[in-house]
Amino acid sequence: MADKGKKKKDEEEETEAEEAEEEGGEEEGGPAKPGSKKKVLIIVVAAVLLVIGGVAAAYFTGLMQPLIDMIAGKKSPEAPTAVAAGEAVFIDLPEILVNLNTGGRKATFLKMRVSLELQRKEDTPVVEKLMPRIVDNFQVYLRELRVEDLKGSAGMYRLREELLTRVVAAAAPAKVNDVLFKEMLVQ
């Protein structure tokens, strides 16, 4: 009998516990557990930080510049118009042969043939007249290069940019658009 009484008492306690849980539990709109509020707060903070980080990244990479200009009322500068293929003029420079800076090791030579792209045909006589100065600027720069400076596509890109800077400075009134490599040999 004591066994029956004990089972009945256990059942009553379980029923009371279930009722108390239903009254104060989340299912009926009662107070939430303290751990779940922390989780929600962490998720909200993480989302806000993610948004701020994305905006900062967009600002620093320049992706937001058109939006900033639009808000500020500034007009964005128009892109330079591309030169039509029929309008461009090309001038070949004489072949350039220089020894590279090897730091006392075996001599290494660079042989190069280059063309200049001019914006207008009217600039051709100006560039031809200034050709000795252009070649001199190229020679002085190229003699200081090392073989490591010419390796890979990044080296070629840097070389093109440096040569373009020098030719634009040497042929000042004429407008030079690009330096084009026709041949380049390092030996």
C-alpha atoms as a PDB file:
ATOM      1  CA  MET A   1       0.000   0.000   0.000  1.00  0.00           C
ATOM      2  CA  ALA A   2       2.777   2.326   0.800  1.00  0.00           C
ATOM      3  CA  ASP A   3       3.891   1.693  -2.709  1.00  0.00           C
ATOM      4  CA  LYS A   4       0.560   2.924  -4.142  1.00  0.00           C
ATOM      5  CA  GLY A   5       0.665   6.050  -2.007  1.00  0.00           C
ATOM      6  CA  LYS A   6       4.174   6.805  -3.094  1.00  0.00           C
ATOM      7  CA  LYS A   7       3.254   6.464  -6.806  1.00  0.00           C
ATOM      8  CA  LYS A   8       0.232   8.723  -6.328  1.00  0.00           C
ATOM      9  CA  LYS A   9       2.350  11.318  -4.546  1.00  0.00           C
ATOM     10  CA  ASP A  10       4.981  11.222  -7.346  1.00  0.00           C
ATOM     11  CA  GLU A  11       2.284  11.659  -9.998  1.00  0.00           C
ATOM     12  CA  GLU A  12       0.837  14.669  -8.158  1.00  0.00           C
ATOM     13  CA  GLU A  13       4.276  16.303  -7.930  1.00  0.00           C
ATOM     14  CA  GLU A  14       4.879  15.768 -11.669  1.00  0.00           C
ATOM     15  CA  THR A  15       1.496  17.280 -12.521  1.00  0.00           C
ATOM     16  CA  GLU A  16       2.185  20.318 -10.328  1.00  0.00           C
ATOM     17  CA  ALA A  17       5.617  20.783 -11.940  1.00  0.00           C
ATOM     18  CA  GLU A  18       4.108  20.608 -15.441  1.00  0.00           C
ATOM     19  CA  GLU A  19       1.418  23.148 -14.526  1.00  0.00           C
ATOM     20  CA  ALA A  20       4.001  25.520 -13.063  1.00  0.00           C
ATOM     21  CA  GLU A  21       6.118  25.150 -16.208  1.00  0.00           C
ATOM     22  CA  GLU A  22       3.132  25.890 -18.453  1.00  0.00           C
ATOM     23  CA  GLU A  23       2.191  28.976 -16.447  1.00  0.00           C
ATOM     24  CA  GLY A  24       5.693  30.545 -16.480  1.00  0.00           C
ATOM     25  CA  GLY A  25       7.097  28.962 -19.642  1.00  0.00           C
ATOM     26  CA  GLU A  26       7.812  30.530 -23.010  1.00  0.00           C
ATOM     27  CA  GLU A  27       4.982  28.689 -24.704  1.00  0.00           C
ATOM     28  CA  GLU A  28       2.320  30.791 -23.034  1.00  0.00           C
ATOM     29  CA  GLY A  29       4.134  34.103 -23.533  1.00  0.00           C
ATOM     30  CA  GLY A  30       5.809  34.069 -20.134  1.00  0.00           C
ATOM     31  CA  PRO A  31       9.262  35.460 -19.388  1.00  0.00           C
ATOM     32  CA  ALA A  32      12.090  34.145 -21.542  1.00  0.00           C
ATOM     33  CA  LYS A  33      15.098  32.379 -20.159  1.00  0.00           C
ATOM     34  CA  PRO A  34      18.006  34.696 -19.283  1.00  0.00           C
ATOM     35  CA  GLY A  35      20.382  32.782 -21.608  1.00  0.00           C
ATOM     36  CA  SER A  36      18.205  33.407 -24.668  1.00  0.00           C
ATOM     37  CA  LYS A  37      18.315  37.201 -24.161  1.00  0.00           C
ATOM     38  CA  LYS A  38      22.118  37.064 -24.256  1.00  0.00           C
ATOM     39  CA  LYS A  39      22.029  35.070 -27.484  1.00  0.00           C
ATOM     40  CA  VAL A  40      19.716  37.592 -29.145  1.00  0.00           C
ATOM     41  CA  LEU A  41      21.911  40.478 -27.978  1.00  0.00           C
ATOM     42  CA  ILE A  42      25.058  38.796 -29.344  1.00  0.00           C
ATOM     43  CA  ILE A  43      23.377  38.156 -32.704  1.00  0.00           C
ATOM     44  CA  VAL A  44      22.172  41.775 -32.974  1.00  0.00           C
ATOM     45  CA  VAL A  45      25.612  43.155 -32.063  1.00  0.00           C
ATOM     46  CA  ALA A  46      27.301  40.825 -34.566  1.00  0.00           C
ATOM     47  CA  ALA A  47      24.889  41.904 -37.308  1.00  0.00           C
ATOM     48  CA  VAL A  48      25.483  45.597 -36.578  1.00  0.00           C
ATOM     49  CA  LEU A  49      29.272  45.100 -36.613  1.00  0.00           C
ATOM     50  CA  LEU A  50      29.008  43.190 -39.898  1.00  0.00           C
ATOM     51  CA  VAL A  51      27.031  46.021 -41.494  1.00  0.00           C
ATOM     52  CA  ILE A  52      29.472  48.653 -40.206  1.00  0.00           C
ATOM     53  CA  GLY A  53      32.421  46.605 -41.463  1.00  0.00           C
ATOM     54  CA  GLY A  54      30.813  46.234 -44.894  1.00  0.00           C
ATOM     55  CA  VAL A  55      30.138  49.955 -45.179  1.00  0.00           C
ATOM     56  CA  ALA A  56      33.703  50.768 -44.103  1.00  0.00           C
ATOM     57  CA  ALA A  57      35.132  48.321 -46.634  1.00  0.00           C
ATOM     58  CA  ALA A  58      32.971  49.779 -49.403  1.00  0.00           C
ATOM     59  CA  TYR A  59      34.053  53.307 -48.462  1.00  0.00           C
ATOM     60  CA  PHE A  60      37.771  52.529 -48.363  1.00  0.00           C
ATOM     61  CA  THR A  61      37.718  50.578 -51.640  1.00  0.00           C
ATOM     62  CA  GLY A  62      35.946  53.456 -53.383  1.00  0.00           C
ATOM     63  CA  LEU A  63      32.745  51.579 -54.129  1.00  0.00           C
ATOM     64  CA  MET A  64      30.674  54.177 -52.292  1.00  0.00           C
ATOM     65  CA  GLN A  65      32.206  57.199 -54.054  1.00  0.00           C
ATOM     66  CA  PRO A  66      29.426  57.511 -56.676  1.00  0.00           C
ATOM     67  CA  LEU A  67      26.821  57.386 -53.896  1.00  0.00           C
ATOM     68  CA  ILE A  68      28.700  59.980 -51.834  1.00  0.00           C
ATOM     69  CA  ASP A  69      29.036  62.243 -54.873  1.00  0.00           C
ATOM     70  CA  MET A  70      25.335  61.886 -55.626  1.00  0.00           C
ATOM     71  CA  ILE A  71      24.365  62.796 -52.043  1.00  0.00           C
ATOM     72  CA  ALA A  72      26.810  65.721 -51.943  1.00  0.00           C
ATOM     73  CA  GLY A  73      25.561  66.956 -55.307  1.00  0.00           C
ATOM     74  CA  LYS A  74      28.954  66.715 -56.981  1.00  0.00           C
ATOM     75  CA  LYS A  75      29.167  65.802 -60.600  1.00  0.00           C
ATOM     76  CA  SER A  76      31.467  62.849 -61.257  1.00  0.00           C
ATOM     77  CA  PRO A  77      34.232  63.507 -63.766  1.00  0.00           C
ATOM     78  CA  GLU A  78      33.499  62.008 -67.103  1.00  0.00           C
ATOM     79  CA  ALA A  79      35.626  59.106 -68.230  1.00  0.00           C
ATOM     80  CA  PRO A  80      38.245  59.993 -70.813  1.00  0.00           C
ATOM     81  CA  THR A  81      37.055  59.172 -74.264  1.00  0.00           C
ATOM     82  CA  ALA A  82      38.808  56.295 -75.928  1.00  0.00           C
ATOM     83  CA  VAL A  83      40.864  57.042 -78.982  1.00  0.00           C
ATOM     84  CA  ALA A  84      39.348  55.516 -82.072  1.00  0.00           C
ATOM     85  CA  ALA A  85      41.581  53.006 -83.845  1.00  0.00           C
ATOM     86  CA  GLY A  86      41.705  55.130 -86.990  1.00  0.00           C
ATOM     87  CA  GLU A  87      42.852  58.253 -85.113  1.00  0.00           C
ATOM     88  CA  ALA A  88      45.800  56.729 -83.214  1.00  0.00           C
ATOM     89  CA  VAL A  89      49.268  57.210 -84.667  1.00  0.00           C
ATOM     90  CA  PHE A  90      52.219  54.938 -83.919  1.00  0.00           C
ATOM     91  CA  ILE A  91      55.889  55.871 -84.081  1.00  0.00           C
ATOM     92  CA  ASP A  92      58.648  53.284 -83.830  1.00  0.00           C
ATOM     93  CA  LEU A  93      61.642  54.135 -81.698  1.00  0.00           C
ATOM     94  CA  PRO A  94      65.043  52.868 -82.765  1.00  0.00           C
ATOM     95  CA  GLU A  95      66.138  49.546 -81.287  1.00  0.00           C
ATOM     96  CA  ILE A  96      67.553  49.993 -77.779  1.00  0.00           C
ATOM     97  CA  LEU A  97      70.366  47.766 -76.476  1.00  0.00           C
ATOM     98  CA  VAL A  98      71.614  48.330 -72.908  1.00  0.00           C
ATOM     99  CA  ASN A  99      73.505  46.335 -70.309  1.00  0.00           C
ATOM    100  CA  LEU A 100      71.532  45.907 -67.098  1.00  0.00           C
ATOM    101  CA  ASN A 101      72.753  46.576 -63.573  1.00  0.00           C
ATOM    102  CA  THR A 102      74.041  43.190 -62.413  1.00  0.00           C
ATOM    103  CA  GLY A 103      76.050  44.305 -59.411  1.00  0.00           C
ATOM    104  CA  GLY A 104      79.398  42.997 -60.695  1.00  0.00           C
ATOM    105  CA  ARG A 105      78.139  39.642 -61.933  1.00  0.00           C
ATOM    106  CA  LYS A 106      78.174  38.450 -65.522  1.00  0.00           C
ATOM    107  CA  ALA A 107      76.991  41.103 -67.986  1.00  0.00           C
ATOM    108  CA  THR A 108      73.305  40.920 -68.900  1.00  0.00           C
ATOM    109  CA  PHE A 109      71.849  42.798 -71.856  1.00  0.00           C
ATOM    110  CA  LEU A 110      68.367  44.046 -72.673  1.00  0.00           C
ATOM    111  CA  LYS A 111      67.374  44.456 -76.298  1.00  0.00           C
ATOM    112  CA  MET A 112      64.119  46.286 -76.858  1.00  0.00           C
ATOM    113  CA  ARG A 113      61.984  47.637 -79.688  1.00  0.00           C
ATOM    114  CA  VAL A 114      59.224  50.026 -78.681  1.00  0.00           C
ATOM    115  CA  SER A 115      56.423  51.943 -80.396  1.00  0.00           C
ATOM    116  CA  LEU A 116      54.766  55.071 -79.059  1.00  0.00           C
ATOM    117  CA  GLU A 117      51.038  55.672 -79.471  1.00  0.00           C
ATOM    118  CA  LEU A 118      50.296  59.341 -80.122  1.00  0.00           C
ATOM    119  CA  GLN A 119      46.892  60.886 -79.704  1.00  0.00           C
ATOM    120  CA  ARG A 120      47.047  63.099 -82.799  1.00  0.00           C
ATOM    121  CA  LYS A 121      48.806  62.884 -86.112  1.00  0.00           C
ATOM    122  CA  GLU A 122      49.945  66.510 -85.695  1.00  0.00           C
ATOM    123  CA  ASP A 123      52.226  65.436 -82.810  1.00  0.00           C
ATOM    124  CA  THR A 124      54.382  63.213 -85.042  1.00  0.00           C
ATOM    125  CA  PRO A 125      56.906  65.913 -86.103  1.00  0.00           C
ATOM    126  CA  VAL A 126      57.280  67.088 -82.495  1.00  0.00           C
ATOM    127  CA  VAL A 127      58.046  63.567 -81.251  1.00  0.00           C
ATOM    128  CA  GLU A 128      60.457  62.879 -84.137  1.00  0.00           C
ATOM    129  CA  LYS A 129      62.276  66.117 -83.363  1.00  0.00           C
ATOM    130  CA  LEU A 130      62.552  65.132 -79.669  1.00  0.00           C
ATOM    131  CA  MET A 131      63.516  61.499 -80.388  1.00  0.00           C
ATOM    132  CA  PRO A 132      67.140  61.833 -79.111  1.00  0.00           C
ATOM    133  CA  ARG A 133      65.872  63.098 -75.743  1.00  0.00           C
ATOM    134  CA  ILE A 134      63.305  60.281 -75.488  1.00  0.00           C
ATOM    135  CA  VAL A 135      65.901  57.610 -76.307  1.00  0.00           C
ATOM    136  CA  ASP A 136      68.325  59.145 -73.802  1.00  0.00           C
ATOM    137  CA  ASN A 137      65.695  59.046 -71.030  1.00  0.00           C
ATOM    138  CA  PHE A 138      64.979  55.401 -71.836  1.00  0.00           C
ATOM    139  CA  GLN A 139      68.685  54.471 -71.875  1.00  0.00           C
ATOM    140  CA  VAL A 140      69.426  56.123 -68.530  1.00  0.00           C
ATOM    141  CA  TYR A 141      66.473  54.409 -66.872  1.00  0.00           C
ATOM    142  CA  LEU A 142      67.038  50.986 -68.429  1.00  0.00           C
ATOM    143  CA  ARG A 143      70.737  50.828 -67.431  1.00  0.00           C
ATOM    144  CA  GLU A 144      69.767  50.955 -63.753  1.00  0.00           C
ATOM    145  CA  LEU A 145      67.296  48.066 -63.968  1.00  0.00           C
ATOM    146  CA  ARG A 146      68.126  44.636 -62.579  1.00  0.00           C
ATOM    147  CA  VAL A 147      67.036  41.358 -64.127  1.00  0.00           C
ATOM    148  CA  GLU A 148      64.676  40.828 -61.148  1.00  0.00           C
ATOM    149  CA  ASP A 149      62.882  44.088 -62.039  1.00  0.00           C
ATOM    150  CA  LEU A 150      61.823  42.658 -65.399  1.00  0.00           C
ATOM    151  CA  LYS A 151      60.440  39.323 -64.206  1.00  0.00           C
ATOM    152  CA  GLY A 152      56.783  38.495 -64.649  1.00  0.00           C
ATOM    153  CA  SER A 153      53.859  40.507 -65.905  1.00  0.00           C
ATOM    154  CA  ALA A 154      54.087  42.890 -62.933  1.00  0.00           C
ATOM    155  CA  GLY A 155      57.653  43.765 -63.965  1.00  0.00           C
ATOM    156  CA  MET A 156      56.532  44.420 -67.528  1.00  0.00           C
ATOM    157  CA  TYR A 157      53.677  46.594 -66.307  1.00  0.00           C
ATOM    158  CA  ARG A 158      55.993  48.670 -64.083  1.00  0.00           C
ATOM    159  CA  LEU A 159      58.465  49.040 -66.965  1.00  0.00           C
ATOM    160  CA  ARG A 160      55.703  50.251 -69.288  1.00  0.00           C
ATOM    161  CA  GLU A 161      54.478  52.791 -66.725  1.00  0.00           C
ATOM    162  CA  GLU A 162      57.994  54.120 -66.073  1.00  0.00           C
ATOM    163  CA  LEU A 163      58.771  54.448 -69.773  1.00  0.00           C
ATOM    164  CA  LEU A 164      55.444  56.196 -70.373  1.00  0.00           C
ATOM    165  CA  THR A 165      56.180  58.664 -67.575  1.00  0.00           C
ATOM    166  CA  ARG A 166      59.564  59.452 -69.103  1.00  0.00           C
ATOM    167  CA  VAL A 167      58.295  59.827 -72.669  1.00  0.00           C
ATOM    168  CA  VAL A 168      55.442  62.105 -71.590  1.00  0.00           C
ATOM    169  CA  ALA A 169      57.967  64.326 -69.790  1.00  0.00           C
ATOM    170  CA  ALA A 170      60.398  64.354 -72.747  1.00  0.00           C
ATOM    171  CA  ALA A 171      57.762  65.020 -75.437  1.00  0.00           C
ATOM    172  CA  ALA A 172      55.928  67.638 -73.372  1.00  0.00           C
ATOM    173  CA  PRO A 173      53.790  69.459 -75.928  1.00  0.00           C
ATOM    174  CA  ALA A 174      52.923  66.222 -77.757  1.00  0.00           C
ATOM    175  CA  LYS A 175      50.365  63.855 -76.223  1.00  0.00           C
ATOM    176  CA  VAL A 176      51.652  60.255 -75.885  1.00  0.00           C
ATOM    177  CA  ASN A 177      48.978  57.725 -74.902  1.00  0.00           C
ATOM    178  CA  ASP A 178      50.948  54.526 -74.509  1.00  0.00           C
ATOM    179  CA  VAL A 179      54.252  52.703 -74.849  1.00  0.00           C
ATOM    180  CA  LEU A 180      53.927  49.436 -76.744  1.00  0.00           C
ATOM    181  CA  PHE A 181      56.566  46.687 -76.639  1.00  0.00           C
ATOM    182  CA  LYS A 182      57.332  45.173 -80.015  1.00  0.00           C
ATOM    183  CA  GLU A 183      60.279  43.082 -78.893  1.00  0.00           C
ATOM    184  CA  MET A 184      62.054  42.542 -75.592  1.00  0.00           C
ATOM    185  CA  LEU A 185      64.961  40.207 -75.047  1.00  0.00           C
ATOM    186  CA  VAL A 186      67.011  39.755 -71.866  1.00  0.00           C
ATOM    187  CA  GLN A 187      70.249  37.849 -72.390  1.00  0.00           C
END
